[in-house]
Amino acid sequence: MPQSLTPLLRSRLLSELELLQQDILHYLAADHVAEYQQLHQQLQKHPTTHWPDLMKKWQTPELQEKSQRLELVQAALSQMDMGLYGLCSDCECRIERQLLMNDPARQRCAACETVYHEQLAE
């Protein structure tokens, strides 16, 4: 991944992170279940890095999807900070540039992504 693209992709990830935070809080605030109100308050008191763990107890399909995406975005940002961004989490080869442009939070190269989905289907 060319270094010149990293600031652009970081910006996209940070924007998505902010939107995810807002979306999750809005989702919880819109539901009048008392437990969701408690979770809403807990999330506001903790850094976003703790949110996926805090949300595990209340995993509706929609909330689970948001939580998983939040984890991917946070992982990509952490990898950027460590200088490991753009490396496949399975084989450690470089993830194809176009794949990262399409999804900056992507964690696998095309070949490993195919294998991953085949294993899920089994």
PDB file of N, CA and C in Angstrom:
ATOM      1  N   MET A   1       0.856  -1.185   0.000  1.00  0.00           N
ATOM      2  CA  MET A   1       0.000   0.000   0.000  1.00  0.00           C
ATOM      3  C   MET A   1       0.892   1.234   0.000  1.00  0.00           C
ATOM      4  N   PRO A   2       0.776   2.072  -1.010  1.00  0.00           N
ATOM      5  CA  PRO A   2       1.572   3.293  -1.047  1.00  0.00           C
ATOM      6  C   PRO A   2       1.269   4.179   0.158  1.00  0.00           C
ATOM      7  N   GLN A   3       2.319   4.711   0.747  1.00  0.00           N
ATOM      8  CA  GLN A   3       2.172   5.583   1.921  1.00  0.00           C
ATOM      9  C   GLN A   3       1.264   6.774   1.637  1.00  0.00           C
ATOM     10  N   SER A   4       1.238   7.217   0.388  1.00  0.00           N
ATOM     11  CA  SER A   4       0.434   8.388   0.034  1.00  0.00           C
ATOM     12  C   SER A   4      -1.066   8.132   0.192  1.00  0.00           C
ATOM     13  N   LEU A   5      -1.486   6.869   0.141  1.00  0.00           N
ATOM     14  CA  LEU A   5      -2.904   6.539   0.291  1.00  0.00           C
ATOM     15  C   LEU A   5      -3.329   6.410   1.750  1.00  0.00           C
ATOM     16  N   THR A   6      -2.387   6.194   2.643  1.00  0.00           N
ATOM     17  CA  THR A   6      -2.721   5.967   4.043  1.00  0.00           C
ATOM     18  C   THR A   6      -3.517   7.119   4.652  1.00  0.00           C
ATOM     19  N   PRO A   7      -3.135   8.392   4.457  1.00  0.00           N
ATOM     20  CA  PRO A   7      -3.945   9.470   5.049  1.00  0.00           C
ATOM     21  C   PRO A   7      -5.389   9.492   4.538  1.00  0.00           C
ATOM     22  N   LEU A   8      -5.566   9.225   3.256  1.00  0.00           N
ATOM     23  CA  LEU A   8      -6.914   9.180   2.688  1.00  0.00           C
ATOM     24  C   LEU A   8      -7.737   8.063   3.325  1.00  0.00           C
ATOM     25  N   LEU A   9      -7.146   6.871   3.415  1.00  0.00           N
ATOM     26  CA  LEU A   9      -7.867   5.738   3.986  1.00  0.00           C
ATOM     27  C   LEU A   9      -8.095   5.924   5.482  1.00  0.00           C
ATOM     28  N   ARG A  10      -7.140   6.526   6.188  1.00  0.00           N
ATOM     29  CA  ARG A  10      -7.327   6.830   7.617  1.00  0.00           C
ATOM     30  C   ARG A  10      -8.508   7.785   7.793  1.00  0.00           C
ATOM     31  N   SER A  11      -8.580   8.777   6.956  1.00  0.00           N
ATOM     32  CA  SER A  11      -9.681   9.733   7.031  1.00  0.00           C
ATOM     33  C   SER A  11     -11.024   9.039   6.812  1.00  0.00           C
ATOM     34  N   ARG A  12     -11.068   8.159   5.833  1.00  0.00           N
ATOM     35  CA  ARG A  12     -12.308   7.406   5.569  1.00  0.00           C
ATOM     36  C   ARG A  12     -12.681   6.533   6.757  1.00  0.00           C
ATOM     37  N   LEU A  13     -11.687   5.879   7.362  1.00  0.00           N
ATOM     38  CA  LEU A  13     -11.943   5.021   8.519  1.00  0.00           C
ATOM     39  C   LEU A  13     -12.421   5.838   9.717  1.00  0.00           C
ATOM     40  N   LEU A  14     -11.797   6.983   9.950  1.00  0.00           N
ATOM     41  CA  LEU A  14     -12.209   7.825  11.076  1.00  0.00           C
ATOM     42  C   LEU A  14     -13.632   8.350  10.882  1.00  0.00           C
ATOM     43  N   SER A  15     -13.964   8.689   9.659  1.00  0.00           N
ATOM     44  CA  SER A  15     -15.332   9.134   9.366  1.00  0.00           C
ATOM     45  C   SER A  15     -16.325   8.008   9.611  1.00  0.00           C
ATOM     46  N   GLU A  16     -15.976   6.811   9.154  1.00  0.00           N
ATOM     47  CA  GLU A  16     -16.863   5.673   9.365  1.00  0.00           C
ATOM     48  C   GLU A  16     -16.991   5.356  10.853  1.00  0.00           C
ATOM     49  N   LEU A  17     -15.893   5.467  11.589  1.00  0.00           N
ATOM     50  CA  LEU A  17     -15.926   5.220  13.027  1.00  0.00           C
ATOM     51  C   LEU A  17     -16.899   6.173  13.712  1.00  0.00           C
ATOM     52  N   GLU A  18     -16.832   7.434  13.358  1.00  0.00           N
ATOM     53  CA  GLU A  18     -17.729   8.428  13.936  1.00  0.00           C
ATOM     54  C   GLU A  18     -19.196   8.120  13.595  1.00  0.00           C
ATOM     55  N   LEU A  19     -19.447   7.756  12.337  1.00  0.00           N
ATOM     56  CA  LEU A  19     -20.812   7.412  11.929  1.00  0.00           C
ATOM     57  C   LEU A  19     -21.319   6.169  12.659  1.00  0.00           C
ATOM     58  N   LEU A  20     -20.456   5.178  12.832  1.00  0.00           N
ATOM     59  CA  LEU A  20     -20.842   3.973  13.563  1.00  0.00           C
ATOM     60  C   LEU A  20     -21.197   4.293  15.015  1.00  0.00           C
ATOM     61  N   GLN A  21     -20.385   5.136  15.643  1.00  0.00           N
ATOM     62  CA  GLN A  21     -20.664   5.530  17.023  1.00  0.00           C
ATOM     63  C   GLN A  21     -22.043   6.186  17.115  1.00  0.00           C
ATOM     64  N   GLN A  22     -22.288   7.128  16.232  1.00  0.00           N
ATOM     65  CA  GLN A  22     -23.571   7.824  16.235  1.00  0.00           C
ATOM     66  C   GLN A  22     -24.722   6.860  15.955  1.00  0.00           C
ATOM     67  N   ASP A  23     -24.523   5.971  15.000  1.00  0.00           N
ATOM     68  CA  ASP A  23     -25.553   5.023  14.618  1.00  0.00           C
ATOM     69  C   ASP A  23     -25.896   4.082  15.778  1.00  0.00           C
ATOM     70  N   ILE A  24     -24.888   3.591  16.459  1.00  0.00           N
ATOM     71  CA  ILE A  24     -25.109   2.688  17.589  1.00  0.00           C
ATOM     72  C   ILE A  24     -25.848   3.409  18.708  1.00  0.00           C
ATOM     73  N   LEU A  25     -25.401   4.612  19.045  1.00  0.00           N
ATOM     74  CA  LEU A  25     -26.067   5.362  20.113  1.00  0.00           C
ATOM     75  C   LEU A  25     -27.509   5.692  19.738  1.00  0.00           C
ATOM     76  N   HIS A  26     -27.735   6.050  18.488  1.00  0.00           N
ATOM     77  CA  HIS A  26     -29.095   6.351  18.025  1.00  0.00           C
ATOM     78  C   HIS A  26     -29.969   5.097  18.087  1.00  0.00           C
ATOM     79  N   TYR A  27     -29.430   3.977  17.653  1.00  0.00           N
ATOM     80  CA  TYR A  27     -30.160   2.705  17.687  1.00  0.00           C
ATOM     81  C   TYR A  27     -30.589   2.370  19.117  1.00  0.00           C
ATOM     82  N   LEU A  28     -29.668   2.535  20.066  1.00  0.00           N
ATOM     83  CA  LEU A  28     -29.981   2.216  21.457  1.00  0.00           C
ATOM     84  C   LEU A  28     -30.967   3.214  22.063  1.00  0.00           C
ATOM     85  N   ALA A  29     -30.827   4.477  21.718  1.00  0.00           N
ATOM     86  CA  ALA A  29     -31.708   5.510  22.265  1.00  0.00           C
ATOM     87  C   ALA A  29     -33.124   5.378  21.716  1.00  0.00           C
ATOM     88  N   ALA A  30     -33.265   4.868  20.508  1.00  0.00           N
ATOM     89  CA  ALA A  30     -34.580   4.758  19.881  1.00  0.00           C
ATOM     90  C   ALA A  30     -35.403   3.625  20.489  1.00  0.00           C
ATOM     91  N   ASP A  31     -34.717   2.646  21.083  1.00  0.00           N
ATOM     92  CA  ASP A  31     -35.423   1.521  21.691  1.00  0.00           C
ATOM     93  C   ASP A  31     -35.682   1.854  23.161  1.00  0.00           C
ATOM     94  N   HIS A  32     -36.874   1.607  23.612  1.00  0.00           N
ATOM     95  CA  HIS A  32     -37.236   1.996  24.972  1.00  0.00           C
ATOM     96  C   HIS A  32     -37.047   0.874  25.988  1.00  0.00           C
ATOM     97  N   VAL A  33     -36.296  -0.144  25.626  1.00  0.00           N
ATOM     98  CA  VAL A  33     -35.982  -1.217  26.559  1.00  0.00           C
ATOM     99  C   VAL A  33     -34.998  -0.662  27.594  1.00  0.00           C
ATOM    100  N   ALA A  34     -35.290  -0.863  28.857  1.00  0.00           N
ATOM    101  CA  ALA A  34     -34.462  -0.302  29.932  1.00  0.00           C
ATOM    102  C   ALA A  34     -33.005  -0.747  29.827  1.00  0.00           C
ATOM    103  N   GLU A  35     -32.790  -2.001  29.433  1.00  0.00           N
ATOM    104  CA  GLU A  35     -31.416  -2.498  29.305  1.00  0.00           C
ATOM    105  C   GLU A  35     -30.647  -1.715  28.247  1.00  0.00           C
ATOM    106  N   TYR A  36     -31.312  -1.351  27.167  1.00  0.00           N
ATOM    107  CA  TYR A  36     -30.643  -0.583  26.116  1.00  0.00           C
ATOM    108  C   TYR A  36     -30.279   0.801  26.624  1.00  0.00           C
ATOM    109  N   GLN A  37     -31.111   1.359  27.472  1.00  0.00           N
ATOM    110  CA  GLN A  37     -30.801   2.673  28.042  1.00  0.00           C
ATOM    111  C   GLN A  37     -29.551   2.576  28.920  1.00  0.00           C
ATOM    112  N   GLN A  38     -29.431   1.477  29.661  1.00  0.00           N
ATOM    113  CA  GLN A  38     -28.243   1.260  30.494  1.00  0.00           C
ATOM    114  C   GLN A  38     -27.003   1.098  29.620  1.00  0.00           C
ATOM    115  N   LEU A  39     -27.138   0.331  28.564  1.00  0.00           N
ATOM    116  CA  LEU A  39     -26.015   0.143  27.646  1.00  0.00           C
ATOM    117  C   LEU A  39     -25.633   1.470  27.007  1.00  0.00           C
ATOM    118  N   HIS A  40     -26.597   2.243  26.608  1.00  0.00           N
ATOM    119  CA  HIS A  40     -26.359   3.563  26.014  1.00  0.00           C
ATOM    120  C   HIS A  40     -25.518   4.414  26.966  1.00  0.00           C
ATOM    121  N   GLN A  41     -25.868   4.407  28.227  1.00  0.00           N
ATOM    122  CA  GLN A  41     -25.124   5.190  29.223  1.00  0.00           C
ATOM    123  C   GLN A  41     -23.715   4.644  29.408  1.00  0.00           C
ATOM    124  N   GLN A  42     -23.578   3.323  29.428  1.00  0.00           N
ATOM    125  CA  GLN A  42     -22.250   2.715  29.577  1.00  0.00           C
ATOM    126  C   GLN A  42     -21.343   3.081  28.407  1.00  0.00           C
ATOM    127  N   LEU A  43     -21.873   3.007  27.201  1.00  0.00           N
ATOM    128  CA  LEU A  43     -21.064   3.306  26.023  1.00  0.00           C
ATOM    129  C   LEU A  43     -20.561   4.742  26.057  1.00  0.00           C
ATOM    130  N   GLN A  44     -21.384   5.647  26.508  1.00  0.00           N
ATOM    131  CA  GLN A  44     -20.982   7.054  26.548  1.00  0.00           C
ATOM    132  C   GLN A  44     -19.873   7.301  27.568  1.00  0.00           C
ATOM    133  N   LYS A  45     -19.709   6.411  28.530  1.00  0.00           N
ATOM    134  CA  LYS A  45     -18.693   6.564  29.573  1.00  0.00           C
ATOM    135  C   LYS A  45     -17.361   5.909  29.204  1.00  0.00           C
ATOM    136  N   HIS A  46     -17.352   5.069  28.177  1.00  0.00           N
ATOM    137  CA  HIS A  46     -16.163   4.298  27.838  1.00  0.00           C
ATOM    138  C   HIS A  46     -15.643   4.661  26.448  1.00  0.00           C
ATOM    139  N   PRO A  47     -14.330   4.456  26.231  1.00  0.00           N
ATOM    140  CA  PRO A  47     -13.786   4.685  24.881  1.00  0.00           C
ATOM    141  C   PRO A  47     -14.378   3.675  23.899  1.00  0.00           C
ATOM    142  N   THR A  48     -14.419   4.057  22.669  1.00  0.00           N
ATOM    143  CA  THR A  48     -15.025   3.226  21.625  1.00  0.00           C
ATOM    144  C   THR A  48     -14.366   1.852  21.532  1.00  0.00           C
ATOM    145  N   THR A  49     -13.106   1.762  21.895  1.00  0.00           N
ATOM    146  CA  THR A  49     -12.414   0.469  21.829  1.00  0.00           C
ATOM    147  C   THR A  49     -13.057  -0.565  22.750  1.00  0.00           C
ATOM    148  N   HIS A  50     -13.779  -0.127  23.776  1.00  0.00           N
ATOM    149  CA  HIS A  50     -14.448  -1.051  24.704  1.00  0.00           C
ATOM    150  C   HIS A  50     -15.871  -1.398  24.275  1.00  0.00           C
ATOM    151  N   TRP A  51     -16.402  -0.682  23.312  1.00  0.00           N
ATOM    152  CA  TRP A  51     -17.800  -0.862  22.929  1.00  0.00           C
ATOM    153  C   TRP A  51     -18.157  -2.278  22.498  1.00  0.00           C
ATOM    154  N   PRO A  52     -17.375  -2.925  21.636  1.00  0.00           N
ATOM    155  CA  PRO A  52     -17.769  -4.283  21.217  1.00  0.00           C
ATOM    156  C   PRO A  52     -17.937  -5.234  22.407  1.00  0.00           C
ATOM    157  N   ASP A  53     -17.052  -5.163  23.378  1.00  0.00           N
ATOM    158  CA  ASP A  53     -17.175  -6.023  24.559  1.00  0.00           C
ATOM    159  C   ASP A  53     -18.419  -5.670  25.372  1.00  0.00           C
ATOM    160  N   LEU A  54     -18.686  -4.398  25.528  1.00  0.00           N
ATOM    161  CA  LEU A  54     -19.861  -3.965  26.285  1.00  0.00           C
ATOM    162  C   LEU A  54     -21.166  -4.371  25.594  1.00  0.00           C
ATOM    163  N   MET A  55     -21.148  -4.429  24.275  1.00  0.00           N
ATOM    164  CA  MET A  55     -22.361  -4.718  23.511  1.00  0.00           C
ATOM    165  C   MET A  55     -22.646  -6.214  23.372  1.00  0.00           C
ATOM    166  N   LYS A  56     -21.704  -7.071  23.734  1.00  0.00           N
ATOM    167  CA  LYS A  56     -21.876  -8.517  23.517  1.00  0.00           C
ATOM    168  C   LYS A  56     -23.129  -9.077  24.174  1.00  0.00           C
ATOM    169  N   LYS A  57     -23.516  -8.552  25.302  1.00  0.00           N
ATOM    170  CA  LYS A  57     -24.678  -9.062  26.027  1.00  0.00           C
ATOM    171  C   LYS A  57     -25.991  -8.774  25.286  1.00  0.00           C
ATOM    172  N   TRP A  58     -26.004  -7.747  24.483  1.00  0.00           N
ATOM    173  CA  TRP A  58     -27.225  -7.314  23.805  1.00  0.00           C
ATOM    174  C   TRP A  58     -27.072  -7.442  22.292  1.00  0.00           C
ATOM    175  N   GLN A  59     -26.826  -8.616  21.811  1.00  0.00           N
ATOM    176  CA  GLN A  59     -26.538  -8.792  20.397  1.00  0.00           C
ATOM    177  C   GLN A  59     -27.775  -9.116  19.563  1.00  0.00           C
ATOM    178  N   THR A  60     -28.537  -8.100  19.227  1.00  0.00           N
ATOM    179  CA  THR A  60     -29.561  -8.281  18.209  1.00  0.00           C
ATOM    180  C   THR A  60     -28.811  -8.404  16.888  1.00  0.00           C
ATOM    181  N   PRO A  61     -29.419  -8.948  15.837  1.00  0.00           N
ATOM    182  CA  PRO A  61     -28.700  -9.053  14.558  1.00  0.00           C
ATOM    183  C   PRO A  61     -28.166  -7.699  14.076  1.00  0.00           C
ATOM    184  N   GLU A  62     -28.964  -6.650  14.206  1.00  0.00           N
ATOM    185  CA  GLU A  62     -28.517  -5.332  13.750  1.00  0.00           C
ATOM    186  C   GLU A  62     -27.362  -4.809  14.601  1.00  0.00           C
ATOM    187  N   LEU A  63     -27.462  -4.974  15.906  1.00  0.00           N
ATOM    188  CA  LEU A  63     -26.407  -4.500  16.797  1.00  0.00           C
ATOM    189  C   LEU A  63     -25.134  -5.324  16.619  1.00  0.00           C
ATOM    190  N   GLN A  64     -25.282  -6.604  16.357  1.00  0.00           N
ATOM    191  CA  GLN A  64     -24.119  -7.459  16.118  1.00  0.00           C
ATOM    192  C   GLN A  64     -23.372  -7.015  14.857  1.00  0.00           C
ATOM    193  N   GLU A  65     -24.113  -6.696  13.814  1.00  0.00           N
ATOM    194  CA  GLU A  65     -23.501  -6.230  12.570  1.00  0.00           C
ATOM    195  C   GLU A  65     -22.728  -4.924  12.801  1.00  0.00           C
ATOM    196  N   LYS A  66     -23.321  -4.012  13.540  1.00  0.00           N
ATOM    197  CA  LYS A  66     -22.662  -2.734  13.828  1.00  0.00           C
ATOM    198  C   LYS A  66     -21.408  -2.956  14.685  1.00  0.00           C
ATOM    199  N   SER A  67     -21.507  -3.851  15.646  1.00  0.00           N
ATOM    200  CA  SER A  67     -20.384  -4.158  16.528  1.00  0.00           C
ATOM    201  C   SER A  67     -19.223  -4.779  15.754  1.00  0.00           C
ATOM    202  N   GLN A  68     -19.532  -5.711  14.849  1.00  0.00           N
ATOM    203  CA  GLN A  68     -18.486  -6.350  14.046  1.00  0.00           C
ATOM    204  C   GLN A  68     -17.788  -5.337  13.144  1.00  0.00           C
ATOM    205  N   ARG A  69     -18.564  -4.455  12.542  1.00  0.00           N
ATOM    206  CA  ARG A  69     -17.965  -3.444  11.670  1.00  0.00           C
ATOM    207  C   ARG A  69     -17.100  -2.497  12.495  1.00  0.00           C
ATOM    208  N   LEU A  70     -17.561  -2.139  13.685  1.00  0.00           N
ATOM    209  CA  LEU A  70     -16.794  -1.277  14.581  1.00  0.00           C
ATOM    210  C   LEU A  70     -15.434  -1.907  14.898  1.00  0.00           C
ATOM    211  N   GLU A  71     -15.443  -3.197  15.158  1.00  0.00           N
ATOM    212  CA  GLU A  71     -14.190  -3.905  15.443  1.00  0.00           C
ATOM    213  C   GLU A  71     -13.243  -3.886  14.243  1.00  0.00           C
ATOM    214  N   LEU A  72     -13.780  -4.072  13.043  1.00  0.00           N
ATOM    215  CA  LEU A  72     -12.941  -4.047  11.838  1.00  0.00           C
ATOM    216  C   LEU A  72     -12.318  -2.671  11.618  1.00  0.00           C
ATOM    217  N   VAL A  73     -13.103  -1.630  11.790  1.00  0.00           N
ATOM    218  CA  VAL A  73     -12.601  -0.263  11.602  1.00  0.00           C
ATOM    219  C   VAL A  73     -11.532   0.039  12.645  1.00  0.00           C
ATOM    220  N   GLN A  74     -11.788  -0.332  13.888  1.00  0.00           N
ATOM    221  CA  GLN A  74     -10.803  -0.096  14.943  1.00  0.00           C
ATOM    222  C   GLN A  74      -9.515  -0.883  14.693  1.00  0.00           C
ATOM    223  N   ALA A  75      -9.651  -2.104  14.211  1.00  0.00           N
ATOM    224  CA  ALA A  75      -8.471  -2.918  13.907  1.00  0.00           C
ATOM    225  C   ALA A  75      -7.638  -2.273  12.809  1.00  0.00           C
ATOM    226  N   ALA A  76      -8.298  -1.795  11.762  1.00  0.00           N
ATOM    227  CA  ALA A  76      -7.566  -1.153  10.663  1.00  0.00           C
ATOM    228  C   ALA A  76      -6.833   0.096  11.149  1.00  0.00           C
ATOM    229  N   LEU A  77      -7.478   0.890  11.984  1.00  0.00           N
ATOM    230  CA  LEU A  77      -6.827   2.093  12.520  1.00  0.00           C
ATOM    231  C   LEU A  77      -5.633   1.723  13.400  1.00  0.00           C
ATOM    232  N   SER A  78      -5.775   0.682  14.198  1.00  0.00           N
ATOM    233  CA  SER A  78      -4.662   0.219  15.036  1.00  0.00           C
ATOM    234  C   SER A  78      -3.508  -0.285  14.183  1.00  0.00           C
ATOM    235  N   GLN A  79      -3.841  -1.003  13.108  1.00  0.00           N
ATOM    236  CA  GLN A  79      -2.801  -1.506  12.212  1.00  0.00           C
ATOM    237  C   GLN A  79      -2.051  -0.347  11.560  1.00  0.00           C
ATOM    238  N   MET A  80      -2.761   0.717  11.225  1.00  0.00           N
ATOM    239  CA  MET A  80      -2.094   1.896  10.673  1.00  0.00           C
ATOM    240  C   MET A  80      -1.111   2.462  11.687  1.00  0.00           C
ATOM    241  N   ASP A  81      -1.538   2.560  12.932  1.00  0.00           N
ATOM    242  CA  ASP A  81      -0.680   3.100  13.986  1.00  0.00           C
ATOM    243  C   ASP A  81       0.570   2.253  14.197  1.00  0.00           C
ATOM    244  N   MET A  82       0.444   0.935  13.995  1.00  0.00           N
ATOM    245  CA  MET A  82       1.566   0.021  14.204  1.00  0.00           C
ATOM    246  C   MET A  82       2.404  -0.187  12.947  1.00  0.00           C
ATOM    247  N   GLY A  83       1.974   0.380  11.825  1.00  0.00           N
ATOM    248  CA  GLY A  83       2.701   0.197  10.577  1.00  0.00           C
ATOM    249  C   GLY A  83       2.420  -1.142   9.909  1.00  0.00           C
ATOM    250  N   LEU A  84       1.313  -1.782  10.269  1.00  0.00           N
ATOM    251  CA  LEU A  84       0.973  -3.090   9.711  1.00  0.00           C
ATOM    252  C   LEU A  84      -0.243  -3.035   8.802  1.00  0.00           C
ATOM    253  N   TYR A  85      -0.695  -1.851   8.490  1.00  0.00           N
ATOM    254  CA  TYR A  85      -1.905  -1.706   7.698  1.00  0.00           C
ATOM    255  C   TYR A  85      -1.693  -2.250   6.287  1.00  0.00           C
ATOM    256  N   GLY A  86      -2.710  -2.943   5.788  1.00  0.00           N
ATOM    257  CA  GLY A  86      -2.667  -3.458   4.422  1.00  0.00           C
ATOM    258  C   GLY A  86      -2.109  -4.858   4.322  1.00  0.00           C
ATOM    259  N   LEU A  87      -1.784  -5.480   5.463  1.00  0.00           N
ATOM    260  CA  LEU A  87      -1.294  -6.849   5.452  1.00  0.00           C
ATOM    261  C   LEU A  87      -2.432  -7.788   5.817  1.00  0.00           C
ATOM    262  N   CYS A  88      -2.535  -8.877   5.104  1.00  0.00           N
ATOM    263  CA  CYS A  88      -3.578  -9.875   5.333  1.00  0.00           C
ATOM    264  C   CYS A  88      -3.419 -10.471   6.733  1.00  0.00           C
ATOM    265  N   SER A  89      -4.524 -10.572   7.449  1.00  0.00           N
ATOM    266  CA  SER A  89      -4.477 -11.119   8.808  1.00  0.00           C
ATOM    267  C   SER A  89      -4.205 -12.621   8.822  1.00  0.00           C
ATOM    268  N   ASP A  90      -4.356 -13.285   7.682  1.00  0.00           N
ATOM    269  CA  ASP A  90      -4.114 -14.728   7.620  1.00  0.00           C
ATOM    270  C   ASP A  90      -2.722 -15.066   7.081  1.00  0.00           C
ATOM    271  N   CYS A  91      -2.403 -14.575   5.897  1.00  0.00           N
ATOM    272  CA  CYS A  91      -1.134 -14.963   5.259  1.00  0.00           C
ATOM    273  C   CYS A  91      -0.050 -13.883   5.370  1.00  0.00           C
ATOM    274  N   GLU A  92      -0.422 -12.703   5.813  1.00  0.00           N
ATOM    275  CA  GLU A  92       0.475 -11.557   5.999  1.00  0.00           C
ATOM    276  C   GLU A  92       1.025 -10.982   4.697  1.00  0.00           C
ATOM    277  N   CYS A  93       0.466 -11.387   3.563  1.00  0.00           N
ATOM    278  CA  CYS A  93       0.815 -10.766   2.286  1.00  0.00           C
ATOM    279  C   CYS A  93       0.064  -9.444   2.182  1.00  0.00           C
ATOM    280  N   ARG A  94       0.473  -8.627   1.250  1.00  0.00           N
ATOM    281  CA  ARG A  94      -0.206  -7.347   1.051  1.00  0.00           C
ATOM    282  C   ARG A  94      -1.607  -7.568   0.490  1.00  0.00           C
ATOM    283  N   ILE A  95      -2.556  -6.840   1.049  1.00  0.00           N
ATOM    284  CA  ILE A  95      -3.920  -6.862   0.532  1.00  0.00           C
ATOM    285  C   ILE A  95      -3.931  -5.996  -0.719  1.00  0.00           C
ATOM    286  N   GLU A  96      -4.611  -6.458  -1.731  1.00  0.00           N
ATOM    287  CA  GLU A  96      -4.654  -5.756  -3.000  1.00  0.00           C
ATOM    288  C   GLU A  96      -5.174  -4.324  -2.805  1.00  0.00           C
ATOM    289  N   ARG A  97      -4.521  -3.406  -3.471  1.00  0.00           N
ATOM    290  CA  ARG A  97      -4.825  -1.970  -3.339  1.00  0.00           C
ATOM    291  C   ARG A  97      -6.303  -1.666  -3.599  1.00  0.00           C
ATOM    292  N   GLN A  98      -6.844  -2.213  -4.662  1.00  0.00           N
ATOM    293  CA  GLN A  98      -8.237  -1.925  -5.010  1.00  0.00           C
ATOM    294  C   GLN A  98      -9.195  -2.427  -3.936  1.00  0.00           C
ATOM    295  N   LEU A  99      -8.859  -3.544  -3.319  1.00  0.00           N
ATOM    296  CA  LEU A  99      -9.709  -4.065  -2.247  1.00  0.00           C
ATOM    297  C   LEU A  99      -9.716  -3.115  -1.055  1.00  0.00           C
ATOM    298  N   LEU A 100      -8.560  -2.545  -0.729  1.00  0.00           N
ATOM    299  CA  LEU A 100      -8.494  -1.579   0.373  1.00  0.00           C
ATOM    300  C   LEU A 100      -9.178  -0.266   0.000  1.00  0.00           C
ATOM    301  N   MET A 101      -9.107   0.100  -1.248  1.00  0.00           N
ATOM    302  CA  MET A 101      -9.803   1.315  -1.682  1.00  0.00           C
ATOM    303  C   MET A 101     -11.324   1.114  -1.568  1.00  0.00           C
ATOM    304  N   ASN A 102     -11.791  -0.098  -1.886  1.00  0.00           N
ATOM    305  CA  ASN A 102     -13.220  -0.407  -1.774  1.00  0.00           C
ATOM    306  C   ASN A 102     -13.666  -0.508  -0.324  1.00  0.00           C
ATOM    307  N   ASP A 103     -12.804  -1.059   0.539  1.00  0.00           N
ATOM    308  CA  ASP A 103     -13.112  -1.217   1.958  1.00  0.00           C
ATOM    309  C   ASP A 103     -11.825  -1.061   2.764  1.00  0.00           C
ATOM    310  N   PRO A 104     -11.571   0.137   3.288  1.00  0.00           N
ATOM    311  CA  PRO A 104     -10.333   0.374   4.031  1.00  0.00           C
ATOM    312  C   PRO A 104     -10.181  -0.471   5.293  1.00  0.00           C
ATOM    313  N   ALA A 105     -11.263  -1.079   5.766  1.00  0.00           N
ATOM    314  CA  ALA A 105     -11.198  -1.909   6.971  1.00  0.00           C
ATOM    315  C   ALA A 105     -10.951  -3.384   6.653  1.00  0.00           C
ATOM    316  N   ARG A 106     -10.760  -3.683   5.408  1.00  0.00           N
ATOM    317  CA  ARG A 106     -10.571  -5.082   4.980  1.00  0.00           C
ATOM    318  C   ARG A 106      -9.377  -5.693   5.698  1.00  0.00           C
ATOM    319  N   GLN A 107      -9.530  -6.962   6.078  1.00  0.00           N
ATOM    320  CA  GLN A 107      -8.494  -7.643   6.847  1.00  0.00           C
ATOM    321  C   GLN A 107      -7.810  -8.797   6.110  1.00  0.00           C
ATOM    322  N   ARG A 108      -8.347  -9.183   4.962  1.00  0.00           N
ATOM    323  CA  ARG A 108      -7.788 -10.329   4.236  1.00  0.00           C
ATOM    324  C   ARG A 108      -7.583 -10.007   2.757  1.00  0.00           C
ATOM    325  N   CYS A 109      -6.567 -10.654   2.176  1.00  0.00           N
ATOM    326  CA  CYS A 109      -6.365 -10.564   0.731  1.00  0.00           C
ATOM    327  C   CYS A 109      -7.475 -11.357   0.049  1.00  0.00           C
ATOM    328  N   ALA A 110      -7.576 -11.252  -1.259  1.00  0.00           N
ATOM    329  CA  ALA A 110      -8.654 -11.920  -1.998  1.00  0.00           C
ATOM    330  C   ALA A 110      -8.605 -13.435  -1.813  1.00  0.00           C
ATOM    331  N   ALA A 111      -7.434 -14.025  -1.897  1.00  0.00           N
ATOM    332  CA  ALA A 111      -7.316 -15.487  -1.783  1.00  0.00           C
ATOM    333  C   ALA A 111      -7.734 -15.969  -0.400  1.00  0.00           C
ATOM    334  N   CYS A 112      -7.272 -15.301   0.643  1.00  0.00           N
ATOM    335  CA  CYS A 112      -7.614 -15.718   2.011  1.00  0.00           C
ATOM    336  C   CYS A 112      -9.079 -15.443   2.329  1.00  0.00           C
ATOM    337  N   GLU A 113      -9.632 -14.400   1.748  1.00  0.00           N
ATOM    338  CA  GLU A 113     -11.056 -14.102   1.946  1.00  0.00           C
ATOM    339  C   GLU A 113     -11.915 -15.229   1.373  1.00  0.00           C
ATOM    340  N   THR A 114     -11.519 -15.739   0.217  1.00  0.00           N
ATOM    341  CA  THR A 114     -12.241 -16.853  -0.405  1.00  0.00           C
ATOM    342  C   THR A 114     -12.183 -18.083   0.486  1.00  0.00           C
ATOM    343  N   VAL A 115     -11.005 -18.415   0.980  1.00  0.00           N
ATOM    344  CA  VAL A 115     -10.839 -19.572   1.865  1.00  0.00           C
ATOM    345  C   VAL A 115     -11.649 -19.385   3.143  1.00  0.00           C
ATOM    346  N   TYR A 116     -11.621 -18.198   3.697  1.00  0.00           N
ATOM    347  CA  TYR A 116     -12.374 -17.880   4.923  1.00  0.00           C
ATOM    348  C   TYR A 116     -13.873 -18.130   4.729  1.00  0.00           C
ATOM    349  N   HIS A 117     -14.425 -17.651   3.630  1.00  0.00           N
ATOM    350  CA  HIS A 117     -15.851 -17.836   3.379  1.00  0.00           C
ATOM    351  C   HIS A 117     -16.206 -19.293   3.076  1.00  0.00           C
ATOM    352  N   GLU A 118     -15.283 -20.013   2.441  1.00  0.00           N
ATOM    353  CA  GLU A 118     -15.515 -21.439   2.188  1.00  0.00           C
ATOM    354  C   GLU A 118     -15.563 -22.198   3.516  1.00  0.00           C
ATOM    355  N   GLN A 119     -14.690 -21.843   4.453  1.00  0.00           N
ATOM    356  CA  GLN A 119     -14.672 -22.496   5.763  1.00  0.00           C
ATOM    357  C   GLN A 119     -15.929 -22.173   6.555  1.00  0.00           C
ATOM    358  N   LEU A 120     -16.432 -20.952   6.429  1.00  0.00           N
ATOM    359  CA  LEU A 120     -17.675 -20.584   7.114  1.00  0.00           C
ATOM    360  C   LEU A 120     -18.853 -21.386   6.590  1.00  0.00           C
ATOM    361  N   ALA A 121     -18.824 -21.679   5.307  1.00  0.00           N
ATOM    362  CA  ALA A 121     -19.937 -22.392   4.671  1.00  0.00           C
ATOM    363  C   ALA A 121     -19.972 -23.872   5.054  1.00  0.00           C
ATOM    364  N   GLU A 122     -18.863 -24.400   5.503  1.00  0.00           N
ATOM    365  CA  GLU A 122     -18.797 -25.846   5.842  1.00  0.00           C
ATOM    366  C   GLU A 122     -19.566 -26.156   7.104  1.00  0.00           C
TER     367      GLU A 122
END
